[in-house]
Amino acid sequence: MLESKLEEGTATHEAAEVIRRNAETCKRTIRGLLDTAVHADPERVEFDLDDLVDDVRRFLRPIWERANVEFVVERGEDALEPMGDELQLRQVLINLVMNAVHAIQDTPHEGGRVTVRTARDNG
């Protein structure tokens, strides 16, 4: 409700959008945990990979900024809409980025860069 009342393009609107998306992610995560108890199969749907990567980038912004790490997204020429479990891929990407940020923090130099690249390779 808050998101719909805010002016698009503002930082507050973006924050509300991130909160909404991550609340939806929490809902799906909880549903996934409950489904796991009954051995449910992954939910295979087509989704926009760029949207997922952008959402993970916004979600982790406070963490990578605090660690003085640059988070770069390099996109391929084609829009990618893979078929798979979006929630599981989101969790994998969050874990990979968090591991990379922690690895950079553990090095003696200050700052670093994490790059996520999306591209089509051999179809």
Protein backbone atom coordinates (compact mmCIF):
# COMPACT_ATOMS: atom_id res chain seq x y z
CA MET A 1 0.00 0.00 0.00
CA LEU A 2 2.84 2.35 0.86
CA GLU A 3 4.56 1.77 -2.47
CA SER A 4 1.45 2.75 -4.44
CA LYS A 5 1.22 6.10 -2.62
CA LEU A 6 4.82 7.16 -3.25
CA GLU A 7 6.13 9.00 -6.30
CA GLU A 8 7.89 6.61 -8.69
CA GLY A 9 11.58 7.17 -9.16
CA THR A 10 12.20 8.44 -5.66
CA ALA A 11 14.52 6.77 -3.17
CA THR A 12 11.58 6.20 -0.83
CA HIS A 13 9.59 4.45 -3.56
CA GLU A 14 12.59 2.25 -4.39
CA ALA A 15 12.98 1.35 -0.71
CA ALA A 16 9.29 0.46 -0.45
CA GLU A 17 9.59 -1.67 -3.61
CA VAL A 18 12.59 -3.53 -2.16
CA ILE A 19 10.69 -4.13 1.09
CA ARG A 20 7.69 -5.48 -0.82
CA ARG A 21 9.78 -7.77 -2.99
CA ASN A 22 11.72 -9.11 -0.04
CA ALA A 23 8.52 -9.65 1.96
CA GLU A 24 7.32 -11.73 -1.00
CA THR A 25 10.63 -13.58 -0.94
CA CYS A 26 10.19 -14.26 2.78
CA LYS A 27 6.70 -15.55 2.10
CA ARG A 28 7.98 -17.88 -0.62
CA THR A 29 10.89 -18.97 1.59
CA ILE A 30 8.55 -19.89 4.43
CA ARG A 31 6.27 -21.68 1.97
CA GLY A 32 9.33 -23.48 0.60
CA LEU A 33 10.37 -24.57 4.08
CA LEU A 34 6.89 -25.87 4.76
CA ASP A 35 6.81 -27.62 1.37
CA THR A 36 10.18 -29.21 2.08
CA ALA A 37 8.64 -30.94 5.06
CA VAL A 38 6.40 -32.83 2.62
CA HIS A 39 9.15 -33.27 -0.04
CA ALA A 40 7.70 -30.85 -2.60
CA ASP A 41 9.38 -30.51 -5.98
CA PRO A 42 10.99 -27.17 -6.91
CA GLU A 43 8.61 -24.65 -8.47
CA ARG A 44 9.68 -24.41 -12.12
CA VAL A 45 8.55 -21.14 -13.66
CA GLU A 46 9.92 -18.75 -16.25
CA PHE A 47 11.31 -15.55 -14.71
CA ASP A 48 13.35 -12.50 -15.67
CA LEU A 49 16.95 -13.06 -14.58
CA ASP A 50 17.85 -9.35 -14.82
CA ASP A 51 15.04 -8.47 -12.40
CA LEU A 52 16.26 -11.13 -9.99
CA VAL A 53 19.87 -9.88 -10.13
CA ASP A 54 18.75 -6.25 -9.69
CA ASP A 55 16.63 -7.21 -6.70
CA VAL A 56 19.51 -9.11 -5.06
CA ARG A 57 21.78 -6.12 -5.68
CA ARG A 58 19.33 -3.74 -3.98
CA PHE A 59 18.67 -6.21 -1.16
CA LEU A 60 22.38 -6.55 -0.36
CA ARG A 61 23.27 -2.88 -0.91
CA PRO A 62 23.76 -2.05 2.79
CA ILE A 63 26.12 -5.01 3.17
CA TRP A 64 28.35 -4.38 0.15
CA GLU A 65 28.44 -0.63 0.73
CA ARG A 66 29.42 -1.06 4.39
CA ALA A 67 32.18 -3.47 3.29
CA ASN A 68 33.47 -0.90 0.77
CA VAL A 69 32.82 -3.35 -2.06
CA GLU A 70 31.65 -2.38 -5.53
CA PHE A 71 28.83 -4.61 -6.85
CA VAL A 72 28.82 -4.58 -10.65
CA VAL A 73 26.23 -6.20 -12.89
CA GLU A 74 27.21 -6.93 -16.49
CA ARG A 75 24.32 -7.97 -18.71
CA GLY A 76 24.46 -9.94 -21.92
CA GLU A 77 22.78 -8.62 -25.03
CA ASP A 78 19.71 -10.84 -24.77
CA ALA A 79 17.08 -10.75 -22.05
CA LEU A 80 17.27 -14.01 -20.13
CA GLU A 81 14.13 -15.74 -18.92
CA PRO A 82 15.25 -19.11 -17.62
CA MET A 83 12.88 -21.85 -16.51
CA GLY A 84 13.57 -22.87 -12.93
CA ASP A 85 12.94 -22.22 -9.28
CA GLU A 86 13.40 -18.46 -8.90
CA LEU A 87 13.50 -18.60 -5.12
CA GLN A 88 16.26 -21.21 -5.08
CA LEU A 89 18.32 -19.25 -7.61
CA ARG A 90 17.81 -16.06 -5.57
CA GLN A 91 19.10 -17.86 -2.47
CA VAL A 92 22.13 -19.18 -4.38
CA LEU A 93 22.96 -15.73 -5.76
CA ILE A 94 22.62 -14.10 -2.32
CA ASN A 95 24.92 -16.73 -0.84
CA LEU A 96 27.51 -16.34 -3.61
CA VAL A 97 27.58 -12.55 -3.32
CA MET A 98 27.71 -12.68 0.48
CA ASN A 99 30.62 -15.16 0.30
CA ALA A 100 32.44 -12.90 -2.17
CA VAL A 101 31.91 -9.82 0.02
CA HIS A 102 33.18 -11.69 3.08
CA ALA A 103 36.22 -12.95 1.15
CA ILE A 104 37.04 -9.40 0.05
CA GLN A 105 36.66 -8.14 3.63
CA ASP A 106 39.14 -10.78 4.80
CA THR A 107 41.91 -9.53 2.49
CA PRO A 108 44.46 -6.97 3.69
CA HIS A 109 43.63 -4.33 1.04
CA GLU A 110 40.63 -2.05 1.35
CA GLY A 111 37.65 -2.43 -0.95
CA GLY A 112 37.11 -4.66 -3.95
CA ARG A 113 34.62 -5.62 -6.60
CA VAL A 114 32.01 -8.34 -7.03
CA THR A 115 30.82 -8.81 -10.60
CA VAL A 116 27.69 -10.70 -11.58
CA ARG A 117 27.53 -11.36 -15.31
CA THR A 118 24.46 -12.63 -17.13
CA ALA A 119 24.77 -13.91 -20.67
CA ARG A 120 23.50 -16.58 -22.99
CA ASP A 121 26.14 -19.19 -23.79
CA ASN A 122 25.42 -21.80 -26.46
CA GLY A 123 21.68 -21.31 -26.12
